[in-house]
C-alpha atoms as a PDB file:
ATOM      1  CA  GLY A   1       0.000   0.000   0.000  1.00  0.00           C
ATOM      2  CA  LYS A   2       2.909   2.366  -0.254  1.00  0.00           C
ATOM      3  CA  GLU A   3       1.679   3.872  -3.514  1.00  0.00           C
ATOM      4  CA  ASN A   4      -1.648   4.869  -1.963  1.00  0.00           C
ATOM      5  CA  VAL A   5      -0.230   7.385   0.433  1.00  0.00           C
ATOM      6  CA  ASP A   6      -2.414   8.774   3.187  1.00  0.00           C
ATOM      7  CA  SER A   7      -1.746  12.486   2.589  1.00  0.00           C
ATOM      8  CA  ARG A   8      -3.087  14.113   5.703  1.00  0.00           C
ATOM      9  CA  HIS A   9      -2.945  17.819   6.317  1.00  0.00           C
ATOM     10  CA  GLY A  10      -2.918  19.769   9.539  1.00  0.00           C
ATOM     11  CA  ARG A  11      -3.063  23.418  10.460  1.00  0.00           C
ATOM     12  CA  GLY A  12       0.152  24.889  11.784  1.00  0.00           C
ATOM     13  CA  ARG A  13       0.771  28.266  13.338  1.00  0.00           C
ATOM     14  CA  GLY A  14      -0.695  31.165  11.427  1.00  0.00           C
ATOM     15  CA  GLY A  15      -3.070  28.859   9.576  1.00  0.00           C
ATOM     16  CA  GLU A  16      -0.459  27.530   7.110  1.00  0.00           C
ATOM     17  CA  THR A  17      -0.903  23.969   5.884  1.00  0.00           C
ATOM     18  CA  THR A  18       1.669  21.423   7.055  1.00  0.00           C
ATOM     19  CA  ARG A  19       2.136  18.063   5.350  1.00  0.00           C
ATOM     20  CA  PHE A  20       3.544  14.955   7.008  1.00  0.00           C
ATOM     21  CA  HIS A  21       4.238  11.391   5.989  1.00  0.00           C
ATOM     22  CA  THR A  22       2.324   8.432   7.337  1.00  0.00           C
ATOM     23  CA  VAL A  23       4.342   6.111   9.565  1.00  0.00           C
ATOM     24  CA  ASN A  24       3.052   2.589  10.203  1.00  0.00           C
ATOM     25  CA  VAL A  25       4.336  -0.347  12.213  1.00  0.00           C
ATOM     26  CA  ALA A  26       6.037  -2.666   9.740  1.00  0.00           C
ATOM     27  CA  GLN A  27       4.837  -6.179   9.165  1.00  0.00           C
ATOM     28  CA  PRO A  28       7.231  -9.022  10.110  1.00  0.00           C
ATOM     29  CA  VAL A  29      10.073  -9.146   7.609  1.00  0.00           C
ATOM     30  CA  ARG A  30      12.699 -11.847   7.178  1.00  0.00           C
ATOM     31  CA  PHE A  31      16.105 -10.294   6.602  1.00  0.00           C
ATOM     32  CA  SER A  32      18.613 -12.351   4.660  1.00  0.00           C
ATOM     33  CA  ARG A  33      21.762 -10.392   5.493  1.00  0.00           C
ATOM     34  CA  LYS A  34      23.052 -10.855   9.019  1.00  0.00           C
ATOM     35  CA  CYS A  35      26.752 -10.685   8.228  1.00  0.00           C
ATOM     36  CA  PRO A  36      29.009  -8.011   6.751  1.00  0.00           C
ATOM     37  CA  THR A  37      30.008  -8.308   3.100  1.00  0.00           C
ATOM     38  CA  GLY A  38      32.484 -11.142   2.595  1.00  0.00           C
ATOM     39  CA  TRP A  39      31.126 -13.224   5.477  1.00  0.00           C
ATOM     40  CA  HIS A  40      28.949 -16.360   5.176  1.00  0.00           C
ATOM     41  CA  HIS A  41      25.972 -16.774   7.507  1.00  0.00           C
ATOM     42  CA  TYR A  42      24.924 -20.080   9.093  1.00  0.00           C
ATOM     43  CA  GLU A  43      21.497 -20.081  10.724  1.00  0.00           C
ATOM     44  CA  GLY A  44      22.253 -23.148  12.856  1.00  0.00           C
ATOM     45  CA  THR A  45      24.731 -21.278  15.049  1.00  0.00           C
ATOM     46  CA  ALA A  46      23.664 -17.686  14.290  1.00  0.00           C
ATOM     47  CA  SER A  47      27.276 -17.079  13.245  1.00  0.00           C
ATOM     48  CA  CYS A  48      29.278 -15.525  10.424  1.00  0.00           C
ATOM     49  CA  TYR A  49      32.393 -17.042   8.825  1.00  0.00           C
ATOM     50  CA  ARG A  50      35.142 -15.609   6.666  1.00  0.00           C
ATOM     51  CA  VAL A  51      38.359 -16.982   5.177  1.00  0.00           C
ATOM     52  CA  TYR A  52      41.340 -14.617   5.241  1.00  0.00           C
ATOM     53  CA  LEU A  53      44.047 -15.164   2.636  1.00  0.00           C
ATOM     54  CA  ASN A  54      46.768 -13.101   4.312  1.00  0.00           C
ATOM     55  CA  GLY A  55      49.026 -16.103   4.946  1.00  0.00           C
ATOM     56  CA  GLU A  56      49.685 -15.546   8.655  1.00  0.00           C
ATOM     57  CA  ASN A  57      51.056 -17.749  11.403  1.00  0.00           C
ATOM     58  CA  TYR A  58      48.595 -19.061  13.967  1.00  0.00           C
ATOM     59  CA  TRP A  59      49.166 -16.330  16.557  1.00  0.00           C
ATOM     60  CA  ASP A  60      48.836 -13.495  14.037  1.00  0.00           C
ATOM     61  CA  ALA A  61      45.665 -15.133  12.695  1.00  0.00           C
ATOM     62  CA  VAL A  62      44.231 -15.159  16.233  1.00  0.00           C
ATOM     63  CA  GLN A  63      44.803 -11.407  16.528  1.00  0.00           C
ATOM     64  CA  THR A  64      43.302 -10.682  13.104  1.00  0.00           C
ATOM     65  CA  CYS A  65      40.106 -12.531  14.052  1.00  0.00           C
ATOM     66  CA  GLN A  66      39.929 -10.685  17.369  1.00  0.00           C
ATOM     67  CA  ARG A  67      40.162  -7.331  15.589  1.00  0.00           C
ATOM     68  CA  VAL A  68      36.896  -8.117  13.776  1.00  0.00           C
ATOM     69  CA  ASN A  69      35.180  -9.205  17.034  1.00  0.00           C
ATOM     70  CA  GLY A  70      35.637 -12.879  16.271  1.00  0.00           C
ATOM     71  CA  SER A  71      37.965 -15.802  16.875  1.00  0.00           C
ATOM     72  CA  LEU A  72      39.509 -18.631  14.901  1.00  0.00           C
ATOM     73  CA  ALA A  73      36.608 -20.921  14.033  1.00  0.00           C
ATOM     74  CA  THR A  74      35.645 -23.888  16.158  1.00  0.00           C
ATOM     75  CA  PHE A  75      32.615 -26.062  15.501  1.00  0.00           C
ATOM     76  CA  THR A  76      29.742 -27.188  17.672  1.00  0.00           C
ATOM     77  CA  ALA A  77      28.579 -30.140  15.563  1.00  0.00           C
ATOM     78  CA  ASP A  78      29.070 -32.040  12.314  1.00  0.00           C
ATOM     79  CA  GLN A  79      26.318 -29.981  10.657  1.00  0.00           C
ATOM     80  CA  GLU A  80      28.284 -26.787  11.159  1.00  0.00           C
ATOM     81  CA  LEU A  81      31.427 -28.373   9.756  1.00  0.00           C
ATOM     82  CA  ARG A  82      29.513 -29.630   6.709  1.00  0.00           C
ATOM     83  CA  PHE A  83      28.256 -26.090   6.124  1.00  0.00           C
ATOM     84  CA  ILE A  84      31.861 -24.826   6.124  1.00  0.00           C
ATOM     85  CA  LEU A  85      33.026 -27.539   3.737  1.00  0.00           C
ATOM     86  CA  ALA A  86      30.187 -26.848   1.283  1.00  0.00           C
ATOM     87  CA  GLN A  87      31.001 -23.138   0.858  1.00  0.00           C
ATOM     88  CA  GLU A  88      32.749 -21.625  -2.136  1.00  0.00           C
ATOM     89  CA  TRP A  89      35.143 -19.249  -0.418  1.00  0.00           C
ATOM     90  CA  ASP A  90      36.182 -17.128  -3.437  1.00  0.00           C
ATOM     91  CA  LEU A  91      39.781 -18.117  -2.915  1.00  0.00           C
ATOM     92  CA  GLU A  92      42.455 -16.645  -5.121  1.00  0.00           C
ATOM     93  CA  GLU A  93      45.690 -18.469  -5.700  1.00  0.00           C
ATOM     94  CA  LYS A  94      48.464 -17.850  -3.186  1.00  0.00           C
ATOM     95  CA  PRO A  95      52.017 -19.220  -3.229  1.00  0.00           C
ATOM     96  CA  PHE A  96      51.393 -21.218  -0.030  1.00  0.00           C
ATOM     97  CA  VAL A  97      48.085 -22.722  -1.251  1.00  0.00           C
ATOM     98  CA  ARG A  98      47.751 -25.633  -3.674  1.00  0.00           C
ATOM     99  CA  LYS A  99      45.118 -25.272  -6.345  1.00  0.00           C
ATOM    100  CA  ASP A 100      43.206 -28.453  -5.554  1.00  0.00           C
ATOM    101  CA  GLN A 101      43.076 -28.112  -1.777  1.00  0.00           C
ATOM    102  CA  ARG A 102      42.974 -25.420   0.871  1.00  0.00           C
ATOM    103  CA  ARG A 103      44.147 -25.393   4.447  1.00  0.00           C
ATOM    104  CA  PHE A 104      42.899 -22.944   7.073  1.00  0.00           C
ATOM    105  CA  TRP A 105      44.000 -22.304  10.614  1.00  0.00           C
ATOM    106  CA  VAL A 106      41.084 -23.072  12.941  1.00  0.00           C
ATOM    107  CA  GLY A 107      40.697 -22.711  16.688  1.00  0.00           C
ATOM    108  CA  TYR A 108      42.133 -25.993  17.990  1.00  0.00           C
ATOM    109  CA  GLN A 109      45.528 -27.046  19.272  1.00  0.00           C
ATOM    110  CA  TYR A 110      47.039 -30.525  19.513  1.00  0.00           C
ATOM    111  CA  VAL A 111      48.869 -31.100  22.794  1.00  0.00           C
ATOM    112  CA  ILE A 112      51.605 -33.770  22.518  1.00  0.00           C
ATOM    113  CA  THR A 113      51.837 -36.023  25.566  1.00  0.00           C
ATOM    114  CA  ASN A 114      54.196 -38.759  24.297  1.00  0.00           C
ATOM    115  CA  ARG A 115      56.956 -38.741  21.663  1.00  0.00           C
ATOM    116  CA  ASN A 116      58.043 -42.384  21.802  1.00  0.00           C
ATOM    117  CA  HIS A 117      57.475 -44.605  18.762  1.00  0.00           C
ATOM    118  CA  SER A 118      54.594 -42.434  17.569  1.00  0.00           C
ATOM    119  CA  LEU A 119      53.260 -39.041  18.566  1.00  0.00           C
ATOM    120  CA  GLU A 120      50.480 -39.237  21.105  1.00  0.00           C
ATOM    121  CA  GLY A 121      48.336 -36.404  22.330  1.00  0.00           C
ATOM    122  CA  HIS A 122      44.900 -34.848  22.272  1.00  0.00           C
ATOM    123  CA  TRP A 123      43.005 -31.941  20.769  1.00  0.00           C
ATOM    124  CA  GLU A 124      41.932 -28.968  22.863  1.00  0.00           C
ATOM    125  CA  VAL A 125      39.876 -25.905  22.082  1.00  0.00           C
ATOM    126  CA  ALA A 126      42.445 -23.127  21.899  1.00  0.00           C
ATOM    127  CA  TYR A 127      40.570 -20.774  24.221  1.00  0.00           C
ATOM    128  CA  LYS A 128      39.291 -21.962  27.591  1.00  0.00           C
ATOM    129  CA  GLY A 129      35.708 -21.269  28.467  1.00  0.00           C
ATOM    130  CA  SER A 130      34.458 -21.990  24.971  1.00  0.00           C
ATOM    131  CA  SER A 131      31.164 -23.901  24.760  1.00  0.00           C
ATOM    132  CA  GLU A 132      32.182 -25.851  21.662  1.00  0.00           C
ATOM    133  CA  VAL A 133      31.926 -29.611  22.063  1.00  0.00           C
ATOM    134  CA  PHE A 134      33.169 -30.852  18.692  1.00  0.00           C
ATOM    135  CA  LEU A 135      36.809 -32.015  18.687  1.00  0.00           C
ATOM    136  CA  PRO A 136      38.639 -33.214  15.555  1.00  0.00           C
ATOM    137  CA  PRO A 137      39.664 -36.836  15.011  1.00  0.00           C
ATOM    138  CA  ASP A 138      43.320 -37.922  15.023  1.00  0.00           C
ATOM    139  CA  PRO A 139      45.325 -35.543  12.830  1.00  0.00           C
ATOM    140  CA  ILE A 140      47.799 -35.858  10.021  1.00  0.00           C
ATOM    141  CA  PHE A 141      51.055 -34.415  11.299  1.00  0.00           C
ATOM    142  CA  GLY A 142      52.598 -31.615   9.273  1.00  0.00           C
ATOM    143  CA  THR A 143      56.037 -31.802   7.703  1.00  0.00           C
ATOM    144  CA  ALA A 144      57.326 -28.636   9.372  1.00  0.00           C
ATOM    145  CA  MET A 145      57.161 -29.976  12.928  1.00  0.00           C
ATOM    146  CA  SER A 146      59.848 -29.101  15.444  1.00  0.00           C
ATOM    147  CA  GLU A 147      61.087 -31.711  17.891  1.00  0.00           C
ATOM    148  CA  ASN A 148      60.916 -29.158  20.678  1.00  0.00           C
ATOM    149  CA  GLU A 149      57.295 -28.163  20.148  1.00  0.00           C
ATOM    150  CA  ASN A 150      54.743 -29.795  22.429  1.00  0.00           C
ATOM    151  CA  VAL A 151      51.780 -27.836  21.058  1.00  0.00           C
ATOM    152  CA  LEU A 152      50.742 -27.958  17.394  1.00  0.00           C
ATOM    153  CA  CYS A 153      48.001 -25.917  15.755  1.00  0.00           C
ATOM    154  CA  ALA A 154      45.031 -27.144  13.753  1.00  0.00           C
ATOM    155  CA  GLN A 155      44.566 -26.752  10.021  1.00  0.00           C
ATOM    156  CA  LEU A 156      41.346 -27.842   8.342  1.00  0.00           C
ATOM    157  CA  GLN A 157      41.911 -28.977   4.765  1.00  0.00           C
ATOM    158  CA  CYS A 158      39.051 -28.364   2.333  1.00  0.00           C
ATOM    159  CA  PHE A 159      39.032 -29.557  -1.273  1.00  0.00           C
ATOM    160  CA  HIS A 160      38.430 -27.220  -4.164  1.00  0.00           C
ATOM    161  CA  PHE A 161      36.798 -29.670  -6.577  1.00  0.00           C
ATOM    162  CA  PRO A 162      32.991 -29.319  -6.297  1.00  0.00           C
ATOM    163  CA  THR A 163      32.328 -33.080  -6.263  1.00  0.00           C
ATOM    164  CA  LEU A 164      34.714 -33.548  -3.332  1.00  0.00           C
ATOM    165  CA  ARG A 165      33.539 -30.405  -1.564  1.00  0.00           C
ATOM    166  CA  HIS A 166      29.864 -31.356  -1.625  1.00  0.00           C
ATOM    167  CA  HIS A 167      30.660 -34.828  -0.312  1.00  0.00           C
ATOM    168  CA  GLY A 168      32.286 -33.211   2.710  1.00  0.00           C
ATOM    169  CA  LEU A 169      35.733 -34.657   2.091  1.00  0.00           C
ATOM    170  CA  HIS A 170      38.293 -33.041   4.390  1.00  0.00           C
ATOM    171  CA  SER A 171      41.345 -33.675   6.564  1.00  0.00           C
ATOM    172  CA  TRP A 172      42.732 -32.375   9.842  1.00  0.00           C
ATOM    173  CA  TYR A 173      46.398 -31.423  10.198  1.00  0.00           C
ATOM    174  CA  ALA A 174      48.438 -30.682  13.296  1.00  0.00           C
ATOM    175  CA  GLU A 175      51.006 -28.182  12.047  1.00  0.00           C
ATOM    176  CA  ASN A 176      53.807 -26.012  13.362  1.00  0.00           C
ATOM    177  CA  CYS A 177      52.031 -22.888  14.643  1.00  0.00           C
ATOM    178  CA  TYR A 178      54.566 -20.575  12.974  1.00  0.00           C
ATOM    179  CA  GLU A 179      53.844 -21.798   9.454  1.00  0.00           C
ATOM    180  CA  LYS A 180      51.952 -19.306   7.293  1.00  0.00           C
ATOM    181  CA  SER A 181      48.444 -20.257   6.196  1.00  0.00           C
ATOM    182  CA  SER A 182      45.034 -18.901   5.319  1.00  0.00           C
ATOM    183  CA  PHE A 183      42.641 -18.958   8.270  1.00  0.00           C
ATOM    184  CA  LEU A 184      38.934 -19.115   9.079  1.00  0.00           C
ATOM    185  CA  CYS A 185      37.371 -16.559  11.446  1.00  0.00           C
ATOM    186  CA  LYS A 186      34.000 -16.942  13.144  1.00  0.00           C
ATOM    187  CA  ARG A 187      31.897 -14.262  14.807  1.00  0.00           C
ATOM    188  CA  SER A 188      28.346 -13.874  16.042  1.00  0.00           C
ATOM    189  CA  GLN A 189      25.772 -12.708  13.546  1.00  0.00           C
ATOM    190  CA  THR A 190      25.279  -8.991  13.702  1.00  0.00           C
ATOM    191  CA  CYS A 191      23.053  -6.196  12.490  1.00  0.00           C
ATOM    192  CA  VAL A 192      24.256  -4.768   9.177  1.00  0.00           C
ATOM    193  CA  ASP A 193      22.701  -1.597   7.818  1.00  0.00           C
ATOM    194  CA  ILE A 194      21.813  -0.786   4.235  1.00  0.00           C
ATOM    195  CA  LYS A 195      25.269   0.735   3.649  1.00  0.00           C
ATOM    196  CA  ASP A 196      27.029  -2.376   5.032  1.00  0.00           C
ATOM    197  CA  ASN A 197      27.990  -0.782   8.344  1.00  0.00           C
ATOM    198  CA  ILE A 198      27.930  -2.964  11.463  1.00  0.00           C
ATOM    199  CA  VAL A 199      25.381  -1.752  14.018  1.00  0.00           C
ATOM    200  CA  ASP A 200      25.844  -2.099  17.772  1.00  0.00           C
ATOM    201  CA  GLU A 201      23.278  -3.649  20.072  1.00  0.00           C
ATOM    202  CA  GLY A 202      20.337  -1.369  20.864  1.00  0.00           C
ATOM    203  CA  TYR A 203      20.906   1.143  18.061  1.00  0.00           C
ATOM    204  CA  TYR A 204      18.466   2.170  15.327  1.00  0.00           C
ATOM    205  CA  PHE A 205      19.352   1.304  11.743  1.00  0.00           C
ATOM    206  CA  THR A 206      17.965   0.558   8.287  1.00  0.00           C
ATOM    207  CA  PRO A 207      18.637  -3.117   7.522  1.00  0.00           C
ATOM    208  CA  LYS A 208      19.783  -4.466   4.198  1.00  0.00           C
ATOM    209  CA  GLY A 209      16.810  -5.319   2.016  1.00  0.00           C
ATOM    210  CA  ASN A 210      14.421  -3.724  -0.443  1.00  0.00           C
ATOM    211  CA  ASP A 211      13.062  -0.953   1.771  1.00  0.00           C
ATOM    212  CA  PRO A 212      15.272   2.026   2.646  1.00  0.00           C
ATOM    213  CA  CYS A 213      12.381   3.482   4.688  1.00  0.00           C
ATOM    214  CA  LEU A 214      12.550   0.862   7.447  1.00  0.00           C
ATOM    215  CA  SER A 215      13.972   1.839  10.805  1.00  0.00           C
ATOM    216  CA  CYS A 216      14.689  -1.001  13.245  1.00  0.00           C
ATOM    217  CA  THR A 217      16.366  -1.627  16.568  1.00  0.00           C
ATOM    218  CA  CYS A 218      19.318  -4.036  16.686  1.00  0.00           C
ATOM    219  CA  HIS A 219      18.673  -6.829  19.207  1.00  0.00           C
ATOM    220  CA  ASN A 220      20.870  -9.946  19.427  1.00  0.00           C
ATOM    221  CA  GLY A 221      22.011  -9.485  15.842  1.00  0.00           C
ATOM    222  CA  GLU A 222      18.445  -9.196  14.536  1.00  0.00           C
ATOM    223  CA  PRO A 223      16.423  -6.161  13.422  1.00  0.00           C
ATOM    224  CA  GLU A 224      13.402  -5.798  15.678  1.00  0.00           C
ATOM    225  CA  MET A 225      10.717  -3.189  16.504  1.00  0.00           C
ATOM    226  CA  CYS A 226      10.724  -1.954  12.901  1.00  0.00           C
ATOM    227  CA  VAL A 227       8.706   0.989  11.638  1.00  0.00           C
ATOM    228  CA  ALA A 228       8.248   1.962   8.001  1.00  0.00           C
ATOM    229  CA  ALA A 229       7.834   5.462   6.609  1.00  0.00           C
ATOM    230  CA  LEU A 230       5.531   5.904   3.618  1.00  0.00           C
ATOM    231  CA  CYS A 231       6.589   8.452   1.007  1.00  0.00           C
ATOM    232  CA  GLU A 232       4.483  10.731  -1.154  1.00  0.00           C
ATOM    233  CA  ARG A 233       4.901  10.550  -4.909  1.00  0.00           C
ATOM    234  CA  PRO A 234       7.232  13.204  -6.342  1.00  0.00           C
ATOM    235  CA  GLN A 235       5.114  16.122  -7.484  1.00  0.00           C
ATOM    236  CA  GLY A 236       4.792  16.836 -11.218  1.00  0.00           C
ATOM    237  CA  CYS A 237       6.518  13.629 -12.274  1.00  0.00           C
ATOM    238  CA  GLN A 238       4.751  10.788 -14.104  1.00  0.00           C
ATOM    239  CA  GLN A 239       7.596   8.274 -14.208  1.00  0.00           C
ATOM    240  CA  TYR A 240      10.202   8.012 -11.495  1.00  0.00           C
ATOM    241  CA  ARG A 241      12.639   5.661  -9.845  1.00  0.00           C
ATOM    242  CA  LYS A 242      13.065   5.225  -6.105  1.00  0.00           C
ATOM    243  CA  ASP A 243      16.536   5.439  -4.650  1.00  0.00           C
ATOM    244  CA  PRO A 244      17.331   1.939  -3.290  1.00  0.00           C
ATOM    245  CA  LYS A 245      19.417   3.268  -0.388  1.00  0.00           C
ATOM    246  CA  GLU A 246      17.753   6.515   0.681  1.00  0.00           C
ATOM    247  CA  CYS A 247      14.222   6.903   1.974  1.00  0.00           C
ATOM    248  CA  CYS A 248      11.841   9.185   0.049  1.00  0.00           C
ATOM    249  CA  LYS A 249      14.438  10.089  -2.579  1.00  0.00           C
ATOM    250  CA  PHE A 250      13.379   9.794  -6.231  1.00  0.00           C
ATOM    251  CA  THR A 251      14.805  10.333  -9.680  1.00  0.00           C
ATOM    252  CA  CYS A 252      12.329  11.713 -12.223  1.00  0.00           C
ATOM    253  CA  LEU A 253      12.433   9.795 -15.533  1.00  0.00           C
ATOM    254  CA  ASP A 254      10.170  12.123 -17.530  1.00  0.00           C
ATOM    255  CA  PRO A 255      11.662  13.731 -20.678  1.00  0.00           C
END
């Protein structure tokens, strides 16, 4: 009903006519974008994921993820891992990445407890207090291991070929933490406005979508309590185009 605008008039001071726009409570809307550009959203964990191609060691990768309010990715269940493996990550070729397979630092560490005939140890979540319950199976040990290191860092290997990717084929590596690698960050879903800015909890914003006249409150990464402004048609213009990013802004298309 946005084309049939309720053009009400009121009397202001001195008897002049004032015109105002109708504002209605918006109907429930499902918003598809809950992550900044470049991040992949997974509904099952209400999280966003992004691969960084910088080629950093494990500790630098940790800091990069923290700077974007995230952490190196850990997984709560097989379903989340399958979601990660199924993604096309828009990966460009890097000198440390083979074309047919990709390895990412993720948020686990392998603690070595015995170095006798074979390496023995166990996986741990890298950061204590995490609620993640999924731990990787026994790893493949990397070639750049040091005999003095008792802690190795986790790399998840994904395959580039679509047939392998969609079948969930993958491997886990325990690698020297100072090797350079791409890495996978994970962060909570967030509110993202129409101009791709991240919105803090409790603030008003216009969410990504088809309506630049929505104003919502950010709550737990979701737009809530939305109201929609209705705009009058531009005067003296038969054909016009609405601006997709600014409310009540039009371009007249008449000759």
